[in-house]
C-alpha atoms as a PDB file:
ATOM      1  CA  MET A   1       4.123 -60.230  54.844  1.00  0.00           C
ATOM      2  CA  GLN A   2       7.081 -58.305  53.341  1.00  0.00           C
ATOM      3  CA  ILE A   3       9.565 -56.062  54.980  1.00  0.00           C
ATOM      4  CA  GLN A   4      12.083 -53.988  53.472  1.00  0.00           C
ATOM      5  CA  GLN A   5      15.730 -54.221  54.774  1.00  0.00           C
ATOM      6  CA  ALA A   6      19.157 -52.803  53.769  1.00  0.00           C
ATOM      7  CA  LEU A   7      22.608 -54.423  54.639  1.00  0.00           C
ATOM      8  CA  ILE A   8      24.874 -51.363  55.572  1.00  0.00           C
ATOM      9  CA  THR A   9      28.362 -51.451  55.866  1.00  0.00           C
ATOM     10  CA  ASP A  10      30.159 -48.333  57.264  1.00  0.00           C
ATOM     11  CA  GLN A  11      33.808 -48.171  57.803  1.00  0.00           C
ATOM     12  CA  ASP A  12      34.328 -51.180  60.373  1.00  0.00           C
ATOM     13  CA  ILE A  13      30.840 -52.253  60.795  1.00  0.00           C
ATOM     14  CA  SER A  14      27.897 -53.970  59.082  1.00  0.00           C
ATOM     15  CA  PHE A  15      24.337 -53.769  60.228  1.00  0.00           C
ATOM     16  CA  MET A  16      20.906 -54.204  59.096  1.00  0.00           C
ATOM     17  CA  VAL A  17      18.285 -51.324  58.723  1.00  0.00           C
ATOM     18  CA  ILE A  18      14.807 -52.670  58.840  1.00  0.00           C
ATOM     19  CA  ALA A  19      11.869 -50.474  57.638  1.00  0.00           C
ATOM     20  CA  VAL A  20       8.997 -50.756  60.277  1.00  0.00           C
ATOM     21  CA  PRO A  21       5.520 -49.268  60.410  1.00  0.00           C
ATOM     22  CA  LYS A  22       5.344 -45.935  62.824  1.00  0.00           C
ATOM     23  CA  PRO A  23       3.197 -48.033  65.723  1.00  0.00           C
ATOM     24  CA  VAL A  24       6.175 -50.021  66.503  1.00  0.00           C
ATOM     25  CA  MET A  25       8.492 -47.079  66.571  1.00  0.00           C
ATOM     26  CA  ASP A  26       5.875 -45.306  68.589  1.00  0.00           C
ATOM     27  CA  ASP A  27       6.126 -47.983  71.511  1.00  0.00           C
ATOM     28  CA  ARG A  28       9.802 -48.273  72.801  1.00  0.00           C
ATOM     29  CA  SER A  29       9.104 -51.757  74.179  1.00  0.00           C
ATOM     30  CA  LYS A  30       7.815 -53.058  70.877  1.00  0.00           C
ATOM     31  CA  ALA A  31      10.881 -51.383  69.012  1.00  0.00           C
ATOM     32  CA  ALA A  32      13.366 -53.006  71.498  1.00  0.00           C
ATOM     33  CA  HIS A  33      11.540 -56.496  71.206  1.00  0.00           C
ATOM     34  CA  THR A  34      11.557 -56.285  67.135  1.00  0.00           C
ATOM     35  CA  VAL A  35      15.252 -55.456  67.639  1.00  0.00           C
ATOM     36  CA  GLN A  36      15.862 -58.374  69.775  1.00  0.00           C
ATOM     37  CA  LEU A  37      13.851 -60.756  67.745  1.00  0.00           C
ATOM     38  CA  LEU A  38      15.413 -59.524  64.422  1.00  0.00           C
ATOM     39  CA  GLN A  39      18.859 -59.768  65.826  1.00  0.00           C
ATOM     40  CA  ALA A  40      18.257 -63.488  66.687  1.00  0.00           C
ATOM     41  CA  ARG A  41      17.295 -64.181  63.206  1.00  0.00           C
ATOM     42  CA  LEU A  42      20.070 -62.253  61.774  1.00  0.00           C
ATOM     43  CA  ALA A  43      22.767 -64.381  63.768  1.00  0.00           C
ATOM     44  CA  GLY A  44      23.445 -61.459  65.916  1.00  0.00           C
ATOM     45  CA  LEU A  45      23.963 -58.793  63.135  1.00  0.00           C
ATOM     46  CA  PRO A  46      23.205 -55.540  64.911  1.00  0.00           C
ATOM     47  CA  VAL A  47      19.853 -54.126  63.965  1.00  0.00           C
ATOM     48  CA  ALA A  48      18.543 -50.601  63.523  1.00  0.00           C
ATOM     49  CA  LEU A  49      14.807 -49.856  62.884  1.00  0.00           C
ATOM     50  CA  VAL A  50      13.569 -46.746  60.691  1.00  0.00           C
ATOM     51  CA  THR A  51      10.298 -45.517  60.014  1.00  0.00           C
ATOM     52  CA  ARG A  52       9.729 -43.693  56.670  1.00  0.00           C
ATOM     53  CA  ASP A  53       7.177 -41.041  55.295  1.00  0.00           C
ATOM     54  CA  GLU A  54       5.181 -41.805  52.092  1.00  0.00           C
ATOM     55  CA  HIS A  55       8.272 -40.690  49.944  1.00  0.00           C
ATOM     56  CA  GLY A  56      10.431 -43.065  51.569  1.00  0.00           C
ATOM     57  CA  VAL A  57      12.047 -40.338  53.624  1.00  0.00           C
ATOM     58  CA  PRO A  58      13.249 -41.760  57.080  1.00  0.00           C
ATOM     59  CA  THR A  59      11.562 -39.972  60.020  1.00  0.00           C
ATOM     60  CA  ALA A  60      12.847 -42.043  62.870  1.00  0.00           C
ATOM     61  CA  TYR A  61      15.506 -44.329  63.805  1.00  0.00           C
ATOM     62  CA  TYR A  62      15.765 -46.761  66.722  1.00  0.00           C
ATOM     63  CA  GLY A  63      18.653 -48.799  67.766  1.00  0.00           C
ATOM     64  CA  ARG A  64      22.007 -48.417  69.232  1.00  0.00           C
ATOM     65  CA  SER A  65      23.139 -44.700  69.240  1.00  0.00           C
ATOM     66  CA  ASP A  66      26.441 -45.493  66.942  1.00  0.00           C
ATOM     67  CA  LEU A  67      24.173 -46.877  64.278  1.00  0.00           C
ATOM     68  CA  ALA A  68      21.690 -43.989  64.412  1.00  0.00           C
ATOM     69  CA  VAL A  69      24.655 -41.516  64.012  1.00  0.00           C
ATOM     70  CA  ARG A  70      25.859 -43.521  60.822  1.00  0.00           C
ATOM     71  CA  LEU A  71      22.322 -43.663  59.493  1.00  0.00           C
ATOM     72  CA  LEU A  72      21.963 -39.927  59.883  1.00  0.00           C
ATOM     73  CA  ARG A  73      25.049 -39.402  57.582  1.00  0.00           C
ATOM     74  CA  ARG A  74      23.527 -41.514  54.906  1.00  0.00           C
ATOM     75  CA  GLN A  75      20.692 -40.614  52.368  1.00  0.00           C
ATOM     76  CA  SER A  76      17.891 -43.193  52.432  1.00  0.00           C
ATOM     77  CA  THR A  77      17.939 -43.358  48.724  1.00  0.00           C
ATOM     78  CA  ALA A  78      21.430 -44.510  48.909  1.00  0.00           C
ATOM     79  CA  MET A  79      20.651 -47.553  51.040  1.00  0.00           C
ATOM     80  CA  PRO A  80      20.416 -50.829  49.052  1.00  0.00           C
ATOM     81  CA  TRP A  81      16.600 -51.623  50.108  1.00  0.00           C
ATOM     82  CA  ASN A  82      15.205 -55.163  49.332  1.00  0.00           C
ATOM     83  CA  ASP A  83      12.024 -56.936  50.127  1.00  0.00           C
ATOM     84  CA  ILE A  84      12.208 -60.111  52.213  1.00  0.00           C
ATOM     85  CA  PRO A  85       9.328 -62.338  53.522  1.00  0.00           C
ATOM     86  CA  LEU A  86       8.840 -62.173  57.006  1.00  0.00           C
ATOM     87  CA  ARG A  87       7.504 -65.803  58.309  1.00  0.00           C
END
């Protein structure tokens, strides 16, 4: 399985944005669990989740409120997306 991620550095903070399927975002406990698992894999790097429509436009964000605000100020096309294997 592949997931898309983007490492974002905004002013004084770096964090990872991970694209997830809509069902993950629709279930708050799944979203929270996903963030916990990914942060553990990324040595504590803050994580924000995003769902996107068929054109890649973000439709929802989940994570710390300060990260969501930073993401709202960015265009998703400006994010450095890359595919990584999820094992």
